[in-house]
C-alpha cells in the first residue's frame, strides 16, 4: 500500500500551542528536493473534542485565511478544552497564486477527494486530509466565499443529509456560527468535494460563503472572526456563550435556484444581493458586445426568494452561473 508522503512538522497529540507545517515533497525545476509547506497550527489542552478549521480550499477566497491566522496567533493553551487544528491555507499553492485552482497541476482541491497518495500534489493533499486529518476531528469548518467569479450574501450552511440526526447537528452548528444568513445548501457538483468526504465520515460539518469578488471586506472578515469563535464555543472547545444576532434562514431546495447564462457578453445586474425576487422576474441581462443594435437577453428567476449569489465579473460566458435565488424560511 502506498503511503501518503505528507509529514506534519508538529505534534497533534501534545498539549500546548504548536505552529509549523504539513510538508509535502514536490520535486520541481527550481528545487529538485523541494517541498510544499502548508502552514499548520495545533492547539491542545487535555481531553475534549477536536475541531478542524480550514481556509483557502480555493486560493482566491480570503475571509477564512484571515480569521484563522488571527485565531492561531491569539489563542493560548489555557483558552482551549480539547484540540483545535488550524489550516489557514488548505490549498497552499493556489493560495500563494491567488487562484481558485492549483498552479502546479490545475487541481481543484474541493473536487479532488478522496484523493490519492501517489497522485498529483492536489490529490495528495486531499488524500492526507481524507485519511489522517478528518478522522481526528469531531467538528469541521471549511471557510469559503465566492472568489473572483461569484459574490454572495454572507451565510453559514449545512447540507441535507440522509442521517437526520447528523443533519440537525450540522444545522445547529451553522446557526451557532451566526452569519447574517444561515442556509441549507444544495451543491450542483458534490462529487469529490471536501464537504462530502467529511460528511461520509460522520462528522459535524459547516461551510460558509461570506462574500466574493476575490477580496475580503471589513464586514466579511468580522463575520468570519466572530463565527469561528462562536462555533468553537458551541462545540465546547472555547469557554463562554455563543454571541447570537438575527440570522435569516435560507433554503436551496432544488435546481430552480440556479440561473445559468446561455450566451456570452456583458452582464447588467437587475437585482442586488439580498433583494426579493419573484418567480419569472428578470435577475440579469446579458448584452452582446460584438456590435451595436442587438437586443439583450434577459435571464429570469426559476423561483421566488432573495438573490443569494450573483456572477461577479462584468463579462460572462455561456454556461456561467449568473444568479442563485434562495427561498426564505
C-alpha atoms as a PDB file:
ATOM      1  CA  UNK A   1       0.000   0.000   0.000  1.00  0.00           C
ATOM      2  CA  UNK A   2       1.351   3.424  -0.996  1.00  0.00           C
ATOM      3  CA  UNK A   3       1.789   5.788   1.960  1.00  0.00           C
ATOM      4  CA  UNK A   4       0.979   9.472   1.712  1.00  0.00           C
ATOM      5  CA  UNK A   5       4.275  11.439   1.642  1.00  0.00           C
ATOM      6  CA  UNK A   6       2.950  14.421   3.654  1.00  0.00           C
ATOM      7  CA  UNK A   7       4.699  14.761   7.018  1.00  0.00           C
ATOM      8  CA  UNK A   8       3.479  17.044   9.838  1.00  0.00           C
ATOM      9  CA  UNK A   9       6.325  19.053  11.393  1.00  0.00           C
ATOM     10  CA  UNK A  10       4.491  19.459  14.720  1.00  0.00           C
ATOM     11  CA  UNK A  11       2.670  17.016  17.020  1.00  0.00           C
ATOM     12  CA  UNK A  12      -1.086  16.543  17.033  1.00  0.00           C
ATOM     13  CA  UNK A  13      -1.291  14.889  20.473  1.00  0.00           C
ATOM     14  CA  UNK A  14       0.874  17.049  22.761  1.00  0.00           C
ATOM     15  CA  UNK A  15      -0.550  19.810  24.942  1.00  0.00           C
ATOM     16  CA  UNK A  16       0.442  23.349  24.042  1.00  0.00           C
ATOM     17  CA  UNK A  17       0.388  25.729  21.087  1.00  0.00           C
ATOM     18  CA  UNK A  18       2.361  24.365  18.153  1.00  0.00           C
ATOM     19  CA  UNK A  19       2.992  26.288  14.900  1.00  0.00           C
ATOM     20  CA  UNK A  20       4.507  24.514  11.917  1.00  0.00           C
ATOM     21  CA  UNK A  21       3.764  22.904   8.585  1.00  0.00           C
ATOM     22  CA  UNK A  22       2.473  19.956   6.679  1.00  0.00           C
ATOM     23  CA  UNK A  23       5.465  19.213   4.430  1.00  0.00           C
ATOM     24  CA  UNK A  24       4.671  17.693   1.035  1.00  0.00           C
ATOM     25  CA  UNK A  25       7.712  16.689  -1.062  1.00  0.00           C
ATOM     26  CA  UNK A  26       7.499  18.250  -4.502  1.00  0.00           C
ATOM     27  CA  UNK A  27      10.360  17.912  -6.949  1.00  0.00           C
ATOM     28  CA  UNK A  28      10.382  20.729  -9.492  1.00  0.00           C
ATOM     29  CA  UNK A  29      12.718  22.605 -11.834  1.00  0.00           C
ATOM     30  CA  UNK A  30      13.904  25.129  -9.256  1.00  0.00           C
ATOM     31  CA  UNK A  31      14.134  22.715  -6.295  1.00  0.00           C
ATOM     32  CA  UNK A  32      14.901  19.079  -7.014  1.00  0.00           C
ATOM     33  CA  UNK A  33      14.219  18.036  -3.405  1.00  0.00           C
ATOM     34  CA  UNK A  34      11.697  20.775  -2.729  1.00  0.00           C
ATOM     35  CA  UNK A  35       8.518  20.747  -0.674  1.00  0.00           C
ATOM     36  CA  UNK A  36       5.121  22.422  -0.453  1.00  0.00           C
ATOM     37  CA  UNK A  37       4.934  23.788   3.102  1.00  0.00           C
ATOM     38  CA  UNK A  38       1.304  24.102   4.210  1.00  0.00           C
ATOM     39  CA  UNK A  39       1.021  26.273   7.374  1.00  0.00           C
ATOM     40  CA  UNK A  40      -0.476  24.449  10.351  1.00  0.00           C
ATOM     41  CA  UNK A  41      -1.284  25.221  13.988  1.00  0.00           C
ATOM     42  CA  UNK A  42      -2.358  22.692  16.622  1.00  0.00           C
ATOM     43  CA  UNK A  43      -3.599  23.917  19.999  1.00  0.00           C
ATOM     44  CA  UNK A  44      -4.312  21.191  22.546  1.00  0.00           C
ATOM     45  CA  UNK A  45      -5.233  21.214  26.197  1.00  0.00           C
ATOM     46  CA  UNK A  46      -6.179  17.833  27.603  1.00  0.00           C
ATOM     47  CA  UNK A  47      -9.110  15.677  26.609  1.00  0.00           C
ATOM     48  CA  UNK A  48     -12.042  17.059  24.706  1.00  0.00           C
ATOM     49  CA  UNK A  49     -13.458  17.451  21.219  1.00  0.00           C
ATOM     50  CA  UNK A  50     -11.344  18.253  18.160  1.00  0.00           C
ATOM     51  CA  UNK A  51     -12.196  21.000  15.692  1.00  0.00           C
ATOM     52  CA  UNK A  52     -10.570  21.018  12.249  1.00  0.00           C
ATOM     53  CA  UNK A  53     -10.656  24.530  10.769  1.00  0.00           C
ATOM     54  CA  UNK A  54      -9.671  25.137   7.139  1.00  0.00           C
ATOM     55  CA  UNK A  55      -9.490  28.123   4.803  1.00  0.00           C
ATOM     56  CA  UNK A  56      -8.054  28.615   1.333  1.00  0.00           C
ATOM     57  CA  UNK A  57      -9.622  25.452  -0.089  1.00  0.00           C
ATOM     58  CA  UNK A  58      -9.876  27.738  -3.092  1.00  0.00           C
ATOM     59  CA  UNK A  59      -6.954  30.127  -3.245  1.00  0.00           C
ATOM     60  CA  UNK A  60      -8.823  33.336  -4.120  1.00  0.00           C
ATOM     61  CA  UNK A  61     -11.071  33.358  -1.009  1.00  0.00           C
ATOM     62  CA  UNK A  62      -9.721  35.355   1.923  1.00  0.00           C
ATOM     63  CA  UNK A  63     -12.075  35.611   4.913  1.00  0.00           C
ATOM     64  CA  UNK A  64     -11.108  32.148   6.133  1.00  0.00           C
ATOM     65  CA  UNK A  65      -7.328  32.610   5.944  1.00  0.00           C
ATOM     66  CA  UNK A  66      -7.562  35.980   7.712  1.00  0.00           C
ATOM     67  CA  UNK A  67      -9.788  34.691  10.513  1.00  0.00           C
ATOM     68  CA  UNK A  68      -7.715  31.540  11.004  1.00  0.00           C
ATOM     69  CA  UNK A  69      -4.354  33.322  11.034  1.00  0.00           C
ATOM     70  CA  UNK A  70      -5.808  35.649  13.656  1.00  0.00           C
ATOM     71  CA  UNK A  71      -7.134  32.720  15.704  1.00  0.00           C
ATOM     72  CA  UNK A  72      -3.822  30.834  15.554  1.00  0.00           C
ATOM     73  CA  UNK A  73      -1.931  33.927  16.700  1.00  0.00           C
ATOM     74  CA  UNK A  74      -4.288  34.925  19.504  1.00  0.00           C
ATOM     75  CA  UNK A  75      -5.282  31.687  21.299  1.00  0.00           C
ATOM     76  CA  UNK A  76      -3.340  30.216  24.199  1.00  0.00           C
ATOM     77  CA  UNK A  77      -3.444  26.657  25.506  1.00  0.00           C
ATOM     78  CA  UNK A  78      -5.412  27.809  28.551  1.00  0.00           C
ATOM     79  CA  UNK A  79      -8.219  29.080  26.298  1.00  0.00           C
ATOM     80  CA  UNK A  80      -8.891  25.597  24.934  1.00  0.00           C
ATOM     81  CA  UNK A  81     -10.506  22.398  26.157  1.00  0.00           C
ATOM     82  CA  UNK A  82      -9.642  19.643  23.713  1.00  0.00           C
ATOM     83  CA  UNK A  83      -7.910  20.400  20.425  1.00  0.00           C
ATOM     84  CA  UNK A  84      -8.054  22.882  17.555  1.00  0.00           C
ATOM     85  CA  UNK A  85      -6.313  22.094  14.259  1.00  0.00           C
ATOM     86  CA  UNK A  86      -5.948  25.201  12.097  1.00  0.00           C
ATOM     87  CA  UNK A  87      -5.015  25.142   8.402  1.00  0.00           C
ATOM     88  CA  UNK A  88      -5.435  28.722   7.118  1.00  0.00           C
ATOM     89  CA  UNK A  89      -4.480  27.953   3.502  1.00  0.00           C
ATOM     90  CA  UNK A  90      -5.609  24.419   2.764  1.00  0.00           C
ATOM     91  CA  UNK A  91      -4.690  24.509  -0.952  1.00  0.00           C
ATOM     92  CA  UNK A  92      -1.474  26.427  -0.319  1.00  0.00           C
ATOM     93  CA  UNK A  93      -0.195  26.525  -3.935  1.00  0.00           C
ATOM     94  CA  UNK A  94      -3.493  28.061  -5.094  1.00  0.00           C
ATOM     95  CA  UNK A  95      -3.480  30.491  -2.162  1.00  0.00           C
ATOM     96  CA  UNK A  96       0.043  31.670  -2.997  1.00  0.00           C
ATOM     97  CA  UNK A  97      -1.019  32.252  -6.603  1.00  0.00           C
ATOM     98  CA  UNK A  98      -4.349  33.886  -5.728  1.00  0.00           C
ATOM     99  CA  UNK A  99      -6.174  31.414  -7.958  1.00  0.00           C
ATOM    100  CA  UNK A 100      -9.119  29.088  -7.429  1.00  0.00           C
ATOM    101  CA  UNK A 101      -7.161  26.018  -8.527  1.00  0.00           C
ATOM    102  CA  UNK A 102      -3.559  24.955  -8.070  1.00  0.00           C
ATOM    103  CA  UNK A 103      -0.995  26.431 -10.463  1.00  0.00           C
ATOM    104  CA  UNK A 104       1.022  23.218 -10.080  1.00  0.00           C
ATOM    105  CA  UNK A 105      -1.476  20.731 -11.504  1.00  0.00           C
ATOM    106  CA  UNK A 106      -4.673  22.767 -12.158  1.00  0.00           C
ATOM    107  CA  UNK A 107      -6.272  20.765  -9.358  1.00  0.00           C
ATOM    108  CA  UNK A 108      -9.475  21.970  -7.734  1.00  0.00           C
ATOM    109  CA  UNK A 109      -8.951  20.694  -4.185  1.00  0.00           C
ATOM    110  CA  UNK A 110     -12.678  20.813  -3.491  1.00  0.00           C
ATOM    111  CA  UNK A 111     -13.316  18.338  -6.307  1.00  0.00           C
ATOM    112  CA  UNK A 112     -10.338  16.018  -5.589  1.00  0.00           C
ATOM    113  CA  UNK A 113     -11.484  13.884  -2.647  1.00  0.00           C
ATOM    114  CA  UNK A 114     -10.762  11.207  -1.544  1.00  0.00           C
ATOM    115  CA  UNK A 115      -7.501  11.888  -3.403  1.00  0.00           C
ATOM    116  CA  UNK A 116      -4.556   9.556  -3.990  1.00  0.00           C
ATOM    117  CA  UNK A 117      -1.324   9.093  -2.044  1.00  0.00           C
ATOM    118  CA  UNK A 118       0.562   8.642  -5.342  1.00  0.00           C
ATOM    119  CA  UNK A 119      -1.355  11.266  -7.325  1.00  0.00           C
ATOM    120  CA  UNK A 120      -0.804  14.923  -8.149  1.00  0.00           C
ATOM    121  CA  UNK A 121       0.065  17.478  -5.478  1.00  0.00           C
ATOM    122  CA  UNK A 122      -3.628  18.358  -5.092  1.00  0.00           C
ATOM    123  CA  UNK A 123      -4.645  14.691  -4.888  1.00  0.00           C
ATOM    124  CA  UNK A 124      -2.001  14.055  -2.210  1.00  0.00           C
ATOM    125  CA  UNK A 125      -3.309  16.937  -0.101  1.00  0.00           C
ATOM    126  CA  UNK A 126      -6.854  15.616  -0.463  1.00  0.00           C
ATOM    127  CA  UNK A 127      -5.790  12.075   0.460  1.00  0.00           C
ATOM    128  CA  UNK A 128      -3.911  13.227   3.569  1.00  0.00           C
ATOM    129  CA  UNK A 129      -6.902  15.142   4.838  1.00  0.00           C
ATOM    130  CA  UNK A 130      -9.275  12.301   3.982  1.00  0.00           C
ATOM    131  CA  UNK A 131      -7.161   9.619   5.658  1.00  0.00           C
ATOM    132  CA  UNK A 132      -5.441  11.497   8.513  1.00  0.00           C
ATOM    133  CA  UNK A 133      -6.980  14.873   9.340  1.00  0.00           C
ATOM    134  CA  UNK A 134     -10.732  14.268   9.045  1.00  0.00           C
ATOM    135  CA  UNK A 135     -10.656  11.083  11.186  1.00  0.00           C
ATOM    136  CA  UNK A 136      -9.168  13.114  14.071  1.00  0.00           C
ATOM    137  CA  UNK A 137     -11.995  15.666  14.039  1.00  0.00           C
ATOM    138  CA  UNK A 138     -15.385  15.839  15.697  1.00  0.00           C
ATOM    139  CA  UNK A 139     -16.433  19.080  14.020  1.00  0.00           C
ATOM    140  CA  UNK A 140     -15.116  20.593  10.774  1.00  0.00           C
ATOM    141  CA  UNK A 141     -15.425  24.164   9.496  1.00  0.00           C
ATOM    142  CA  UNK A 142     -14.345  24.968   5.934  1.00  0.00           C
ATOM    143  CA  UNK A 143     -14.423  28.669   5.047  1.00  0.00           C
ATOM    144  CA  UNK A 144     -15.459  29.748   1.560  1.00  0.00           C
ATOM    145  CA  UNK A 145     -16.502  32.875  -0.285  1.00  0.00           C
ATOM    146  CA  UNK A 146     -17.220  33.499  -3.945  1.00  0.00           C
ATOM    147  CA  UNK A 147     -13.645  34.019  -5.096  1.00  0.00           C
ATOM    148  CA  UNK A 148     -13.096  36.073  -8.218  1.00  0.00           C
ATOM    149  CA  UNK A 149     -16.206  34.889 -10.075  1.00  0.00           C
ATOM    150  CA  UNK A 150     -19.115  34.980  -7.583  1.00  0.00           C
ATOM    151  CA  UNK A 151     -20.454  37.224  -4.832  1.00  0.00           C
ATOM    152  CA  UNK A 152     -22.740  36.005  -2.023  1.00  0.00           C
ATOM    153  CA  UNK A 153     -24.823  37.309   0.805  1.00  0.00           C
ATOM    154  CA  UNK A 154     -22.773  36.187   3.846  1.00  0.00           C
ATOM    155  CA  UNK A 155     -24.021  32.828   5.097  1.00  0.00           C
ATOM    156  CA  UNK A 156     -23.010  29.718   7.008  1.00  0.00           C
ATOM    157  CA  UNK A 157     -24.561  26.488   5.827  1.00  0.00           C
ATOM    158  CA  UNK A 158     -25.212  22.815   6.325  1.00  0.00           C
ATOM    159  CA  UNK A 159     -26.288  20.234   3.754  1.00  0.00           C
ATOM    160  CA  UNK A 160     -29.226  17.880   3.518  1.00  0.00           C
ATOM    161  CA  UNK A 161     -28.029  14.519   4.867  1.00  0.00           C
ATOM    162  CA  UNK A 162     -29.580  11.047   4.933  1.00  0.00           C
ATOM    163  CA  UNK A 163     -28.860  10.830   8.673  1.00  0.00           C
ATOM    164  CA  UNK A 164     -31.297  13.418  10.020  1.00  0.00           C
ATOM    165  CA  UNK A 165     -29.660  13.464  13.466  1.00  0.00           C
ATOM    166  CA  UNK A 166     -26.358  14.389  11.826  1.00  0.00           C
ATOM    167  CA  UNK A 167     -28.138  16.948   9.666  1.00  0.00           C
ATOM    168  CA  UNK A 168     -29.690  18.503  12.770  1.00  0.00           C
ATOM    169  CA  UNK A 169     -26.260  18.689  14.436  1.00  0.00           C
ATOM    170  CA  UNK A 170     -24.812  20.406  11.361  1.00  0.00           C
ATOM    171  CA  UNK A 171     -27.721  22.864  11.148  1.00  0.00           C
ATOM    172  CA  UNK A 172     -27.299  23.714  14.842  1.00  0.00           C
ATOM    173  CA  UNK A 173     -23.579  24.314  14.317  1.00  0.00           C
ATOM    174  CA  UNK A 174     -24.198  26.503  11.243  1.00  0.00           C
ATOM    175  CA  UNK A 175     -26.710  28.559  13.206  1.00  0.00           C
ATOM    176  CA  UNK A 176     -24.227  28.890  16.065  1.00  0.00           C
ATOM    177  CA  UNK A 177     -21.698  30.340  13.595  1.00  0.00           C
ATOM    178  CA  UNK A 178     -24.364  33.039  13.277  1.00  0.00           C
ATOM    179  CA  UNK A 179     -23.615  34.668   9.943  1.00  0.00           C
ATOM    180  CA  UNK A 180     -26.262  37.187   8.801  1.00  0.00           C
ATOM    181  CA  UNK A 181     -27.798  34.329   6.795  1.00  0.00           C
ATOM    182  CA  UNK A 182     -27.980  30.595   7.570  1.00  0.00           C
ATOM    183  CA  UNK A 183     -28.647  28.193   4.708  1.00  0.00           C
ATOM    184  CA  UNK A 184     -29.472  24.628   3.819  1.00  0.00           C
ATOM    185  CA  UNK A 185     -27.269  24.435   0.764  1.00  0.00           C
ATOM    186  CA  UNK A 186     -27.714  22.467  -2.449  1.00  0.00           C
ATOM    187  CA  UNK A 187     -24.464  21.605  -4.245  1.00  0.00           C
ATOM    188  CA  UNK A 188     -24.749  21.240  -8.016  1.00  0.00           C
ATOM    189  CA  UNK A 189     -21.444  19.324  -8.231  1.00  0.00           C
ATOM    190  CA  UNK A 190     -20.866  17.420  -4.965  1.00  0.00           C
ATOM    191  CA  UNK A 191     -18.674  14.605  -6.331  1.00  0.00           C
ATOM    192  CA  UNK A 192     -15.147  14.831  -4.929  1.00  0.00           C
ATOM    193  CA  UNK A 193     -15.955  17.639  -2.505  1.00  0.00           C
ATOM    194  CA  UNK A 194     -14.278  18.031   0.890  1.00  0.00           C
ATOM    195  CA  UNK A 195     -17.794  18.540   2.271  1.00  0.00           C
ATOM    196  CA  UNK A 196     -18.850  15.118   1.027  1.00  0.00           C
ATOM    197  CA  UNK A 197     -15.716  13.426   2.377  1.00  0.00           C
ATOM    198  CA  UNK A 198     -16.257  14.939   5.833  1.00  0.00           C
ATOM    199  CA  UNK A 199     -19.936  14.038   5.912  1.00  0.00           C
ATOM    200  CA  UNK A 200     -19.303  10.470   4.736  1.00  0.00           C
ATOM    201  CA  UNK A 201     -17.069  10.040   7.800  1.00  0.00           C
ATOM    202  CA  UNK A 202     -19.980  11.088  10.023  1.00  0.00           C
ATOM    203  CA  UNK A 203     -18.547  14.401  11.204  1.00  0.00           C
ATOM    204  CA  UNK A 204     -20.389  17.613  12.001  1.00  0.00           C
ATOM    205  CA  UNK A 205     -19.647  19.910   9.066  1.00  0.00           C
ATOM    206  CA  UNK A 206     -20.189  23.638   8.490  1.00  0.00           C
ATOM    207  CA  UNK A 207     -19.196  25.657   5.463  1.00  0.00           C
ATOM    208  CA  UNK A 208     -19.620  29.308   4.532  1.00  0.00           C
ATOM    209  CA  UNK A 209     -19.914  31.739   1.676  1.00  0.00           C
ATOM    210  CA  UNK A 210     -19.008  35.137   3.111  1.00  0.00           C
ATOM    211  CA  UNK A 211     -18.757  37.453   0.131  1.00  0.00           C
ATOM    212  CA  UNK A 212     -16.686  37.273  -3.029  1.00  0.00           C
ATOM    213  CA  UNK A 213     -15.054  39.161  -5.820  1.00  0.00           C
ATOM    214  CA  UNK A 214     -11.595  37.850  -4.983  1.00  0.00           C
ATOM    215  CA  UNK A 215     -11.223  40.027  -1.892  1.00  0.00           C
ATOM    216  CA  UNK A 216     -12.473  40.453   1.655  1.00  0.00           C
ATOM    217  CA  UNK A 217     -14.130  43.395   3.404  1.00  0.00           C
ATOM    218  CA  UNK A 218     -14.039  44.584   6.998  1.00  0.00           C
ATOM    219  CA  UNK A 219     -17.637  43.353   7.321  1.00  0.00           C
ATOM    220  CA  UNK A 220     -16.983  39.875   5.905  1.00  0.00           C
ATOM    221  CA  UNK A 221     -13.827  39.393   7.995  1.00  0.00           C
ATOM    222  CA  UNK A 222     -15.693  40.414  11.152  1.00  0.00           C
ATOM    223  CA  UNK A 223     -18.336  37.778  10.378  1.00  0.00           C
ATOM    224  CA  UNK A 224     -15.615  35.146   9.929  1.00  0.00           C
ATOM    225  CA  UNK A 225     -13.755  36.036  13.133  1.00  0.00           C
ATOM    226  CA  UNK A 226     -16.910  36.058  15.240  1.00  0.00           C
ATOM    227  CA  UNK A 227     -18.276  32.933  13.561  1.00  0.00           C
ATOM    228  CA  UNK A 228     -15.289  30.674  14.130  1.00  0.00           C
ATOM    229  CA  UNK A 229     -15.171  31.564  17.830  1.00  0.00           C
ATOM    230  CA  UNK A 230     -18.924  31.019  18.106  1.00  0.00           C
ATOM    231  CA  UNK A 231     -18.532  27.579  16.564  1.00  0.00           C
ATOM    232  CA  UNK A 232     -15.741  26.648  18.974  1.00  0.00           C
ATOM    233  CA  UNK A 233     -17.890  27.784  21.910  1.00  0.00           C
ATOM    234  CA  UNK A 234     -20.802  25.753  20.522  1.00  0.00           C
ATOM    235  CA  UNK A 235     -18.518  22.691  20.400  1.00  0.00           C
ATOM    236  CA  UNK A 236     -17.379  23.232  23.999  1.00  0.00           C
ATOM    237  CA  UNK A 237     -13.768  23.874  22.977  1.00  0.00           C
ATOM    238  CA  UNK A 238     -13.724  27.576  23.916  1.00  0.00           C
ATOM    239  CA  UNK A 239     -15.440  28.934  27.058  1.00  0.00           C
ATOM    240  CA  UNK A 240     -18.259  31.434  27.064  1.00  0.00           C
ATOM    241  CA  UNK A 241     -21.624  31.916  25.433  1.00  0.00           C
ATOM    242  CA  UNK A 242     -22.247  31.991  21.700  1.00  0.00           C
ATOM    243  CA  UNK A 243     -22.864  35.582  20.551  1.00  0.00           C
ATOM    244  CA  UNK A 244     -26.120  35.496  18.648  1.00  0.00           C
ATOM    245  CA  UNK A 245     -27.670  38.144  16.419  1.00  0.00           C
ATOM    246  CA  UNK A 246     -30.532  37.830  13.958  1.00  0.00           C
ATOM    247  CA  UNK A 247     -29.825  35.393  11.110  1.00  0.00           C
ATOM    248  CA  UNK A 248     -32.167  34.919   8.155  1.00  0.00           C
ATOM    249  CA  UNK A 249     -32.797  31.257   7.266  1.00  0.00           C
ATOM    250  CA  UNK A 250     -32.458  30.306   3.595  1.00  0.00           C
ATOM    251  CA  UNK A 251     -33.141  27.105   1.681  1.00  0.00           C
ATOM    252  CA  UNK A 252     -31.906  25.854  -1.695  1.00  0.00           C
ATOM    253  CA  UNK A 253     -34.390  23.035  -2.302  1.00  0.00           C
ATOM    254  CA  UNK A 254     -33.748  22.255  -5.968  1.00  0.00           C
ATOM    255  CA  UNK A 255     -32.092  23.235  -9.223  1.00  0.00           C
ATOM    256  CA  UNK A 256     -34.606  26.022  -9.857  1.00  0.00           C
ATOM    257  CA  UNK A 257     -32.460  28.155  -7.547  1.00  0.00           C
ATOM    258  CA  UNK A 258     -29.771  28.496 -10.216  1.00  0.00           C
ATOM    259  CA  UNK A 259     -29.793  30.781 -13.247  1.00  0.00           C
ATOM    260  CA  UNK A 260     -27.208  29.975 -15.932  1.00  0.00           C
ATOM    261  CA  UNK A 261     -26.204  32.068 -18.922  1.00  0.00           C
ATOM    262  CA  UNK A 262     -26.742  30.598 -22.373  1.00  0.00           C
ATOM    263  CA  UNK A 263     -24.994  33.488 -24.086  1.00  0.00           C
ATOM    264  CA  UNK A 264     -21.733  35.378 -23.976  1.00  0.00           C
ATOM    265  CA  UNK A 265     -21.342  39.074 -23.308  1.00  0.00           C
ATOM    266  CA  UNK A 266     -21.580  41.793 -20.676  1.00  0.00           C
ATOM    267  CA  UNK A 267     -23.716  41.354 -17.575  1.00  0.00           C
ATOM    268  CA  UNK A 268     -26.177  44.013 -16.470  1.00  0.00           C
ATOM    269  CA  UNK A 269     -27.346  43.160 -12.929  1.00  0.00           C
ATOM    270  CA  UNK A 270     -31.065  43.796 -12.484  1.00  0.00           C
ATOM    271  CA  UNK A 271     -31.283  42.772  -8.821  1.00  0.00           C
ATOM    272  CA  UNK A 272     -28.819  43.326  -5.962  1.00  0.00           C
ATOM    273  CA  UNK A 273     -27.754  40.758  -3.377  1.00  0.00           C
ATOM    274  CA  UNK A 274     -30.384  40.264  -0.674  1.00  0.00           C
ATOM    275  CA  UNK A 275     -33.185  41.783  -2.762  1.00  0.00           C
ATOM    276  CA  UNK A 276     -36.511  39.990  -3.012  1.00  0.00           C
ATOM    277  CA  UNK A 277     -37.289  38.160  -6.260  1.00  0.00           C
ATOM    278  CA  UNK A 278     -40.484  36.609  -7.616  1.00  0.00           C
ATOM    279  CA  UNK A 279     -40.548  33.617  -9.937  1.00  0.00           C
ATOM    280  CA  UNK A 280     -40.203  34.880 -13.515  1.00  0.00           C
ATOM    281  CA  UNK A 281     -38.529  38.158 -12.601  1.00  0.00           C
ATOM    282  CA  UNK A 282     -35.533  39.135 -14.708  1.00  0.00           C
ATOM    283  CA  UNK A 283     -32.459  38.997 -12.447  1.00  0.00           C
ATOM    284  CA  UNK A 284     -29.720  39.671 -15.009  1.00  0.00           C
ATOM    285  CA  UNK A 285     -29.357  40.858 -18.582  1.00  0.00           C
ATOM    286  CA  UNK A 286     -26.574  39.879 -20.989  1.00  0.00           C
ATOM    287  CA  UNK A 287     -25.581  42.267 -23.752  1.00  0.00           C
ATOM    288  CA  UNK A 288     -23.747  41.088 -26.849  1.00  0.00           C
ATOM    289  CA  UNK A 289     -20.579  43.152 -27.185  1.00  0.00           C
ATOM    290  CA  UNK A 290     -19.504  42.453 -30.770  1.00  0.00           C
ATOM    291  CA  UNK A 291     -21.795  45.040 -32.350  1.00  0.00           C
ATOM    292  CA  UNK A 292     -24.455  47.619 -31.550  1.00  0.00           C
ATOM    293  CA  UNK A 293     -28.150  47.325 -32.341  1.00  0.00           C
ATOM    294  CA  UNK A 294     -28.689  43.866 -30.789  1.00  0.00           C
ATOM    295  CA  UNK A 295     -31.310  43.339 -28.098  1.00  0.00           C
ATOM    296  CA  UNK A 296     -30.002  41.897 -24.816  1.00  0.00           C
ATOM    297  CA  UNK A 297     -31.065  38.568 -23.346  1.00  0.00           C
ATOM    298  CA  UNK A 298     -32.895  38.615 -20.021  1.00  0.00           C
ATOM    299  CA  UNK A 299     -32.462  35.751 -17.562  1.00  0.00           C
ATOM    300  CA  UNK A 300     -35.277  35.041 -15.114  1.00  0.00           C
ATOM    301  CA  UNK A 301     -35.664  33.508 -11.678  1.00  0.00           C
ATOM    302  CA  UNK A 302     -36.981  29.958 -11.530  1.00  0.00           C
ATOM    303  CA  UNK A 303     -38.404  30.511  -8.047  1.00  0.00           C
ATOM    304  CA  UNK A 304     -39.293  33.210  -5.574  1.00  0.00           C
ATOM    305  CA  UNK A 305     -36.983  34.228  -2.734  1.00  0.00           C
ATOM    306  CA  UNK A 306     -33.955  36.509  -2.416  1.00  0.00           C
ATOM    307  CA  UNK A 307     -30.891  36.925  -4.591  1.00  0.00           C
ATOM    308  CA  UNK A 308     -28.346  34.833  -2.686  1.00  0.00           C
ATOM    309  CA  UNK A 309     -25.477  34.951  -5.195  1.00  0.00           C
ATOM    310  CA  UNK A 310     -24.535  36.637  -8.435  1.00  0.00           C
ATOM    311  CA  UNK A 311     -21.898  36.442 -11.128  1.00  0.00           C
ATOM    312  CA  UNK A 312     -19.150  38.897 -10.211  1.00  0.00           C
ATOM    313  CA  UNK A 313     -17.062  39.843 -13.284  1.00  0.00           C
ATOM    314  CA  UNK A 314     -18.648  42.169 -15.797  1.00  0.00           C
ATOM    315  CA  UNK A 315     -18.246  39.663 -18.652  1.00  0.00           C
ATOM    316  CA  UNK A 316     -19.939  36.282 -18.789  1.00  0.00           C
ATOM    317  CA  UNK A 317     -19.578  33.114 -20.878  1.00  0.00           C
ATOM    318  CA  UNK A 318     -22.175  30.562 -21.873  1.00  0.00           C
ATOM    319  CA  UNK A 319     -22.643  28.124 -19.004  1.00  0.00           C
ATOM    320  CA  UNK A 320     -21.599  30.538 -16.240  1.00  0.00           C
ATOM    321  CA  UNK A 321     -23.823  30.875 -13.200  1.00  0.00           C
ATOM    322  CA  UNK A 322     -25.475  34.287 -13.344  1.00  0.00           C
ATOM    323  CA  UNK A 323     -27.506  34.135 -10.155  1.00  0.00           C
ATOM    324  CA  UNK A 324     -28.782  31.981  -7.302  1.00  0.00           C
ATOM    325  CA  UNK A 325     -32.207  32.604  -5.770  1.00  0.00           C
ATOM    326  CA  UNK A 326     -32.798  31.034  -2.350  1.00  0.00           C
ATOM    327  CA  UNK A 327     -36.135  30.603  -0.558  1.00  0.00           C
ATOM    328  CA  UNK A 328     -36.560  32.462   2.741  1.00  0.00           C
ATOM    329  CA  UNK A 329     -37.793  30.156   5.514  1.00  0.00           C
END
